[in-house]
Amino acid sequence: MRMSFPAAILVAVIGSLMSCASAPEPAVPPPPSGGDAGAPASSAAKDRAKALVQGGLDAGAPAPAAAQPAGAQPAAGQAASADQPPPLPGKLTAEEEAFLQSYLSRLNYMVYYDEGSQIDPALAKRAVSMANRYLIEKMGLAVIDFDQIEKNKKDQQAAYQSETGGSIDLIQYLAQKFNADVYVELSFTVASETRDSRYYATASGSMKIFDVSTATLLGSIVLASGGAAMSPNSADAAATNAITAPIWQAMPRLVDQSKELIKNSLGRGIRYEVVLQKTPDSRAVSQLRRALARKVREVEQVAYSPSATKLYVYTFQPGDKVEDALYDAAGAAGMPDLNLVYSRGKSYTFDTGL
C-alpha cells in the first residue's frame, strides 16, 4: 500500500522516539572515596559557573575561593591589630607599685610665692625660706633656694620663650627645669598694729599644691597665725613671726597631703610630655605610637601637624627608660635617626630626622 509524504514523516518520527526510549541510561560514576572530598571542587565549579553567567569572571580567571565557615581561625600569617588596650587605672603590677612608693618617698618640692598677691618680697623670701628649712631639716630633701629662682627668672627668659613660646607659666617652666615634682605656692596677707609701744601682726592665707607636669591644682592648706604675733622691736619682725610660725606648723600636713594627692593623680601613670619635631608622615607617627604603647601603660596623641607632634606618655618608669623606649619605637617606625633635642623635668623634645 503506498503512503503519502506526510505519512512517511510521521512514521520516521515515531521510530526515532521508540529508539530513544529503548536505549539504556548512561552509567552514573560512583562518588569519590573519602566522603565529602569532592564538595570543595563542586562548590568552586558552581561559583565559577555563576560568575561566568553573571559576567563577573573571565574564562581564563581562577574560580573564587569558597568562603570560610563562621568561627574559622585566621591564617597564621595574618597580622593582628597593633593597638594595645591601656591597663585599668589603679591596677598596678608589683613592680609598678614598688616604683610608685619609691617615687612618692623622694618627691622634689619647689616653694615660691604668688607674685600677684602683693606680698612684700622680703617677707615672701622669709616665708619661702621657712618652708625650705622644714624640707631640709625634717625631710632631708634638697631644695630650690629663693634666690636661685629669682636669678633664673631673669637668666632663663630667652630659653623659656624659645622652648615654650609662652604656652606655660614661667614659674612652671622653672619648676620643670629644676626637676620638681610638686610646686607649692604661698599666698597670704598680714595685718599689723601698734599698742603700748609694741608691734602686733596677724597673718592668713594658703599653701597651694600644684602638679608640675600638668600645672593642675591638687589641693591647698589654710594658713592662720591663730592669734597676734608680737615683737617689741619692729612691725616687720612681728609680721615675720606671724607668717613663719604657721608655715612651719603646716609643713607636715602639706608633705603628707601632697604625697596622697600626687598618688591619687597617678591612676594612669606618671605623665611625660613628648614632642616630636618634623613629622611629615602621619602613618609613621601612628606606627611609633603603637610601638611605644607596647612598652608603657598608655600613649595619648594630643596634637599633630607636619612640623610637630605632641604625645602624652603614661608609665611607672623613670624618664631615662621613657627615652630608651622612644628610641626603640622610632626604630620600629622607620625613624632610626630620632635624637633628643632637650629635656626639662618630664618634658622631652626629639627631632625625628625626617
Protein backbone atom coordinates (compact mmCIF):
# COMPACT_ATOMS: atom_id res chain seq x y z
CA MET A 1 0.00 0.00 0.00
CA ARG A 2 1.58 3.33 -0.97
CA MET A 3 1.93 6.03 1.74
CA SER A 4 1.76 9.71 1.14
CA PHE A 5 4.73 12.02 2.03
CA PRO A 6 3.32 13.36 5.33
CA ALA A 7 2.57 9.83 6.48
CA ALA A 8 6.18 8.81 5.81
CA ILE A 9 7.48 11.67 8.02
CA LEU A 10 5.16 10.66 10.83
CA VAL A 11 6.41 7.06 10.76
CA ALA A 12 10.02 8.24 10.88
CA VAL A 13 9.37 10.44 13.98
CA ILE A 14 7.63 7.57 15.83
CA GLY A 15 10.57 5.27 15.07
CA SER A 16 13.05 7.76 16.44
CA LEU A 17 11.13 8.16 19.70
CA MET A 18 10.94 4.39 20.21
CA SER A 19 14.70 4.09 19.66
CA CYS A 20 15.42 6.71 22.37
CA ALA A 21 13.07 5.02 24.83
CA SER A 22 14.69 1.65 24.38
CA ALA A 23 18.32 2.95 24.75
CA PRO A 24 19.94 2.17 28.14
CA GLU A 25 20.64 5.06 30.60
CA PRO A 26 24.27 6.17 30.83
CA ALA A 27 26.13 4.86 33.86
CA VAL A 28 26.49 7.33 36.75
CA PRO A 29 30.08 7.40 38.11
CA PRO A 30 30.36 6.42 41.75
CA PRO A 31 31.09 9.19 44.26
CA PRO A 32 34.79 9.62 45.05
CA SER A 33 36.11 7.88 48.12
CA GLY A 34 36.70 9.98 51.26
CA GLY A 35 33.17 11.18 52.00
CA ASP A 36 32.90 14.91 51.11
CA ALA A 37 36.30 15.23 49.41
CA GLY A 38 34.64 16.41 46.17
CA ALA A 39 32.49 19.07 47.84
CA PRO A 40 35.01 22.00 47.65
CA ALA A 41 35.70 21.31 43.94
CA SER A 42 31.94 21.13 43.23
CA SER A 43 31.35 24.36 45.17
CA ALA A 44 34.19 26.10 43.35
CA ALA A 45 32.85 24.91 39.99
CA LYS A 46 29.38 26.21 40.80
CA ASP A 47 30.82 29.58 41.89
CA ARG A 48 32.81 29.76 38.65
CA ALA A 49 29.79 28.91 36.52
CA LYS A 50 27.71 31.51 38.33
CA ALA A 51 30.38 34.15 37.83
CA LEU A 52 30.66 33.31 34.12
CA VAL A 53 26.90 33.59 33.64
CA GLN A 54 26.78 36.93 35.50
CA GLY A 55 29.76 38.27 33.55
CA GLY A 56 31.92 38.85 36.65
CA LEU A 57 34.72 36.43 35.66
CA ASP A 58 36.85 35.91 32.58
CA ALA A 59 37.03 32.45 31.08
CA GLY A 60 40.72 32.11 31.99
CA ALA A 61 40.41 33.52 35.56
CA PRO A 62 40.64 31.25 38.59
CA ALA A 63 37.50 30.40 40.47
CA PRO A 64 36.77 32.45 43.61
CA ALA A 65 37.77 30.82 46.88
CA ALA A 66 34.99 29.36 48.95
CA ALA A 67 34.03 31.45 52.00
CA GLN A 68 35.42 30.34 55.34
CA PRO A 69 32.82 28.95 57.70
CA ALA A 70 31.85 31.08 60.70
CA GLY A 71 34.26 30.82 63.61
CA ALA A 72 37.20 29.72 61.43
CA GLN A 73 40.62 30.90 62.65
CA PRO A 74 42.55 33.45 60.50
CA ALA A 75 45.63 32.33 58.67
CA ALA A 76 48.82 32.14 60.69
CA GLY A 77 50.44 34.97 58.74
CA GLN A 78 47.52 37.37 59.20
CA ALA A 79 48.69 40.29 61.35
CA ALA A 80 46.77 41.17 64.46
CA SER A 81 45.96 44.76 65.40
CA ALA A 82 48.91 46.58 66.91
CA ASP A 83 46.71 48.65 69.23
CA GLN A 84 47.23 47.80 72.90
CA PRO A 85 44.32 48.44 75.29
CA PRO A 86 45.53 50.52 78.28
CA PRO A 87 45.56 48.85 81.70
CA LEU A 88 42.78 49.72 84.12
CA PRO A 89 43.59 52.85 86.17
CA GLY A 90 44.90 51.99 89.61
CA LYS A 91 45.62 48.35 88.72
CA LEU A 92 49.38 48.16 89.22
CA THR A 93 51.79 45.28 88.94
CA ALA A 94 54.09 44.54 91.87
CA GLU A 95 56.96 46.23 90.01
CA GLU A 96 54.87 49.34 89.29
CA GLU A 97 53.69 49.53 92.91
CA ALA A 98 57.29 49.37 94.15
CA PHE A 99 58.31 52.17 91.77
CA LEU A 100 55.35 54.33 92.86
CA GLN A 101 56.18 54.01 96.56
CA SER A 102 59.82 54.87 95.89
CA TYR A 103 58.76 57.85 93.75
CA LEU A 104 56.44 59.23 96.45
CA SER A 105 59.13 58.92 99.12
CA ARG A 106 61.52 61.21 97.24
CA LEU A 107 59.28 63.90 95.75
CA ASN A 108 61.11 67.11 94.87
CA TYR A 109 59.46 70.37 96.01
CA MET A 110 59.78 73.90 94.74
CA VAL A 111 58.32 76.56 97.06
CA TYR A 112 57.63 80.11 95.88
CA TYR A 113 55.04 82.80 96.45
CA ASP A 114 52.12 84.17 94.48
CA GLU A 115 53.54 87.24 92.75
CA GLY A 116 50.05 88.55 92.14
CA SER A 117 49.19 88.75 95.85
CA GLN A 118 51.12 91.99 96.53
CA ILE A 119 53.27 90.38 99.24
CA ASP A 120 56.33 92.32 100.32
CA PRO A 121 59.24 90.49 98.57
CA ALA A 122 61.37 90.50 101.73
CA LEU A 123 58.57 88.89 103.76
CA ALA A 124 57.88 86.44 100.92
CA LYS A 125 61.53 85.36 100.98
CA ARG A 126 61.36 84.68 104.72
CA ALA A 127 58.18 82.63 104.27
CA VAL A 128 59.68 80.53 101.46
CA SER A 129 62.89 80.05 103.44
CA MET A 130 60.92 78.73 106.42
CA ALA A 131 59.19 76.12 104.23
CA ASN A 132 62.53 75.11 102.69
CA ARG A 133 64.08 74.86 106.14
CA TYR A 134 61.49 72.27 107.14
CA LEU A 135 62.12 70.23 103.96
CA ILE A 136 65.86 70.26 104.64
CA GLU A 137 65.86 69.64 108.39
CA LYS A 138 62.85 67.33 108.78
CA MET A 139 62.69 65.58 105.40
CA GLY A 140 66.35 65.56 104.39
CA LEU A 141 65.48 66.89 100.93
CA ALA A 142 67.39 69.16 98.61
CA VAL A 143 65.50 72.38 97.93
CA ILE A 144 65.48 75.12 95.31
CA ASP A 145 66.58 78.31 97.01
CA PHE A 146 64.54 81.51 96.74
CA ASP A 147 67.50 83.47 95.31
CA GLN A 148 68.12 80.70 92.77
CA ILE A 149 64.56 81.06 91.49
CA GLU A 150 64.87 84.85 91.30
CA LYS A 151 68.11 84.60 89.34
CA ASN A 152 66.68 82.08 86.86
CA LYS A 153 63.59 84.22 86.28
CA LYS A 154 65.96 86.72 84.68
CA ASP A 155 68.53 84.39 83.09
CA GLN A 156 66.09 81.89 81.57
CA GLN A 157 63.76 84.31 79.77
CA ALA A 158 65.22 83.62 76.32
CA ALA A 159 65.23 79.83 76.81
CA TYR A 160 61.71 79.98 78.24
CA GLN A 161 60.35 81.75 75.16
CA SER A 162 62.31 79.52 72.78
CA GLU A 163 61.18 76.24 74.33
CA THR A 164 57.59 77.05 75.28
CA GLY A 165 56.56 80.09 73.28
CA GLY A 166 54.86 81.31 76.45
CA SER A 167 52.46 78.36 76.44
CA ILE A 168 53.09 77.71 80.15
CA ASP A 169 53.81 79.98 83.09
CA LEU A 170 57.43 80.95 83.72
CA ILE A 171 57.34 79.55 87.27
CA GLN A 172 56.01 76.22 85.98
CA TYR A 173 58.79 76.21 83.38
CA LEU A 174 61.41 76.78 86.11
CA ALA A 175 59.88 74.07 88.30
CA GLN A 176 60.21 71.65 85.37
CA LYS A 177 63.73 72.89 84.72
CA PHE A 178 64.68 72.13 88.33
CA ASN A 179 63.04 68.70 88.01
CA ALA A 180 60.50 69.42 90.77
CA ASP A 181 57.53 67.09 91.21
CA VAL A 182 55.48 69.43 93.41
CA TYR A 183 55.18 73.21 93.25
CA VAL A 184 53.99 74.90 96.45
CA GLU A 185 52.68 78.45 96.10
CA LEU A 186 52.40 80.63 99.23
CA SER A 187 49.75 83.32 99.30
CA PHE A 188 48.96 85.37 102.40
CA THR A 189 48.12 88.77 103.83
CA VAL A 190 49.40 90.38 107.02
CA ALA A 191 47.62 92.89 109.26
CA SER A 192 49.73 94.91 111.73
CA GLU A 193 49.08 97.30 114.62
CA THR A 194 50.97 99.01 117.42
CA ARG A 195 49.83 99.04 121.05
CA ASP A 196 51.72 100.27 124.09
CA SER A 197 54.95 100.63 122.11
CA ARG A 198 54.72 97.02 120.97
CA TYR A 199 54.12 95.67 117.50
CA TYR A 200 51.45 93.08 116.70
CA ALA A 201 50.63 91.23 113.48
CA THR A 202 48.28 88.52 112.26
CA ALA A 203 48.55 86.53 109.03
CA SER A 204 46.18 84.40 106.98
CA GLY A 205 46.45 82.73 103.62
CA SER A 206 47.04 79.38 101.93
CA MET A 207 49.65 76.97 100.60
CA LYS A 208 48.53 75.68 97.20
CA ILE A 209 49.86 72.37 95.85
CA PHE A 210 50.37 72.03 92.08
CA ASP A 211 51.46 69.15 89.87
CA VAL A 212 54.47 70.48 87.99
CA SER A 213 53.93 68.46 84.80
CA THR A 214 50.31 69.47 84.28
CA ALA A 215 50.05 72.69 86.36
CA THR A 216 46.97 71.10 87.93
CA LEU A 217 45.92 72.44 91.32
CA LEU A 218 45.86 69.34 93.52
CA GLY A 219 44.87 70.90 96.84
CA SER A 220 45.60 73.59 99.41
CA ILE A 221 46.23 74.07 103.12
CA VAL A 222 44.94 77.03 105.11
CA LEU A 223 47.45 79.28 106.88
CA ALA A 224 46.39 81.16 110.00
CA SER A 225 48.51 82.66 112.75
CA GLY A 226 45.95 81.67 115.40
CA GLY A 227 46.50 84.92 117.23
CA ALA A 228 48.52 88.09 117.10
CA ALA A 229 52.28 87.72 116.96
CA MET A 230 54.16 90.33 118.98
CA SER A 231 57.57 91.96 118.74
CA PRO A 232 58.99 94.75 120.90
CA ASN A 233 61.40 95.73 118.14
CA SER A 234 59.52 96.41 114.85
CA ALA A 235 56.39 95.83 112.85
CA ASP A 236 58.48 93.89 110.32
CA ALA A 237 59.63 91.44 113.00
CA ALA A 238 56.04 90.97 114.18
CA ALA A 239 54.90 90.27 110.60
CA THR A 240 57.72 87.75 110.14
CA ASN A 241 56.69 85.92 113.31
CA ALA A 242 53.04 85.96 112.24
CA ILE A 243 53.70 84.14 108.95
CA THR A 244 56.72 81.90 109.58
CA ALA A 245 55.26 80.14 112.64
CA PRO A 246 52.08 78.86 110.89
CA ILE A 247 54.10 77.80 107.82
CA TRP A 248 56.38 75.63 109.98
CA GLN A 249 53.34 74.12 111.68
CA ALA A 250 51.58 73.44 108.36
CA MET A 251 54.51 71.75 106.58
CA PRO A 252 53.93 68.22 107.98
CA ARG A 253 50.34 68.33 106.71
CA LEU A 254 51.49 69.71 103.38
CA VAL A 255 54.02 66.91 102.86
CA ASP A 256 51.52 64.16 103.77
CA GLN A 257 48.75 65.71 101.72
CA SER A 258 50.95 66.27 98.67
CA LYS A 259 52.00 62.60 98.68
CA GLU A 260 48.40 61.44 98.84
CA LEU A 261 47.24 63.92 96.19
CA ILE A 262 50.08 63.03 93.82
CA LYS A 263 49.37 59.32 94.31
CA ASN A 264 45.67 59.82 93.53
CA SER A 265 46.54 61.77 90.39
CA LEU A 266 48.70 58.93 89.02
CA GLY A 267 45.97 56.42 88.20
CA ARG A 268 47.16 56.24 84.59
CA GLY A 269 50.83 56.61 85.50
CA ILE A 270 53.37 59.43 85.66
CA ARG A 271 52.76 61.68 82.68
CA TYR A 272 55.65 62.53 80.37
CA GLU A 273 55.22 65.08 77.61
CA VAL A 274 56.94 64.10 74.36
CA VAL A 275 57.26 66.50 71.40
CA LEU A 276 58.41 65.11 68.05
CA GLN A 277 59.76 67.74 65.66
CA LYS A 278 59.43 67.16 61.88
CA THR A 279 56.59 64.66 61.45
CA PRO A 280 55.54 64.90 57.77
CA ASP A 281 54.35 61.27 57.64
CA SER A 282 51.33 60.72 59.90
CA ARG A 283 51.44 56.96 59.27
CA ALA A 284 54.99 56.77 60.63
CA VAL A 285 53.82 58.67 63.72
CA SER A 286 50.99 56.16 64.14
CA GLN A 287 53.45 53.26 63.91
CA LEU A 288 55.72 54.87 66.50
CA ARG A 289 52.78 55.48 68.84
CA ARG A 290 51.65 51.84 68.58
CA ALA A 291 55.16 50.51 69.11
CA LEU A 292 55.64 52.79 72.12
CA ALA A 293 52.31 51.67 73.64
CA ARG A 294 53.75 48.16 74.00
CA LYS A 295 56.48 49.47 76.32
CA VAL A 296 54.47 51.82 78.58
CA ARG A 297 51.00 51.87 80.12
CA GLU A 298 49.38 54.33 77.72
CA VAL A 299 50.21 56.74 74.88
CA GLU A 300 47.89 59.63 74.02
CA GLN A 301 48.37 61.76 70.91
CA VAL A 302 47.18 65.27 71.74
CA ALA A 303 48.35 67.27 68.71
CA TYR A 304 49.65 66.65 65.19
CA SER A 305 51.00 68.74 62.35
CA PRO A 306 53.66 68.02 59.71
CA SER A 307 56.04 70.19 61.71
CA ALA A 308 55.49 68.67 65.17
CA THR A 309 53.50 66.07 67.12
CA LYS A 310 52.80 66.06 70.86
CA LEU A 311 52.29 62.85 72.84
CA TYR A 312 51.47 62.19 76.48
CA VAL A 313 53.15 59.02 77.75
CA TYR A 314 51.85 57.44 80.96
CA THR A 315 54.04 54.93 82.78
CA PHE A 316 55.54 53.95 86.13
CA GLN A 317 59.11 54.23 84.92
CA PRO A 318 61.86 56.86 85.27
CA GLY A 319 62.48 59.34 82.49
CA ASP A 320 65.57 57.61 81.10
CA LYS A 321 63.51 54.45 80.49
CA VAL A 322 60.94 56.52 78.60
CA GLU A 323 63.72 57.95 76.45
CA ASP A 324 65.03 54.44 75.71
CA ALA A 325 61.51 53.29 74.80
CA LEU A 326 61.20 56.20 72.34
CA TYR A 327 64.37 55.16 70.53
CA ASP A 328 63.18 51.55 70.24
CA ALA A 329 59.74 52.60 69.00
CA ALA A 330 61.25 55.04 66.50
CA GLY A 331 63.45 52.30 65.05
CA ALA A 332 60.39 50.10 64.53
CA ALA A 333 58.54 53.01 62.87
CA GLY A 334 61.25 53.84 60.33
CA MET A 335 62.77 56.76 62.29
CA PRO A 336 66.27 55.46 63.11
CA ASP A 337 67.69 59.00 63.31
CA LEU A 338 65.44 60.12 66.19
CA ASN A 339 67.50 62.14 68.69
CA LEU A 340 66.87 64.17 71.84
CA VAL A 341 67.00 67.95 71.36
CA TYR A 342 66.43 68.97 75.00
CA SER A 343 64.56 67.90 78.12
CA ARG A 344 63.35 69.56 81.30
CA GLY A 345 61.75 67.58 84.08
CA LYS A 346 59.19 65.26 82.49
CA SER A 347 59.11 67.06 79.14
CA TYR A 348 61.18 65.73 76.21
CA THR A 349 61.64 67.17 72.72
CA PHE A 350 63.02 64.97 69.91
CA ASP A 351 63.98 65.57 66.30
CA THR A 352 62.76 62.69 64.09
CA GLY A 353 65.47 63.19 61.46
CA LEU A 354 62.85 63.02 58.68
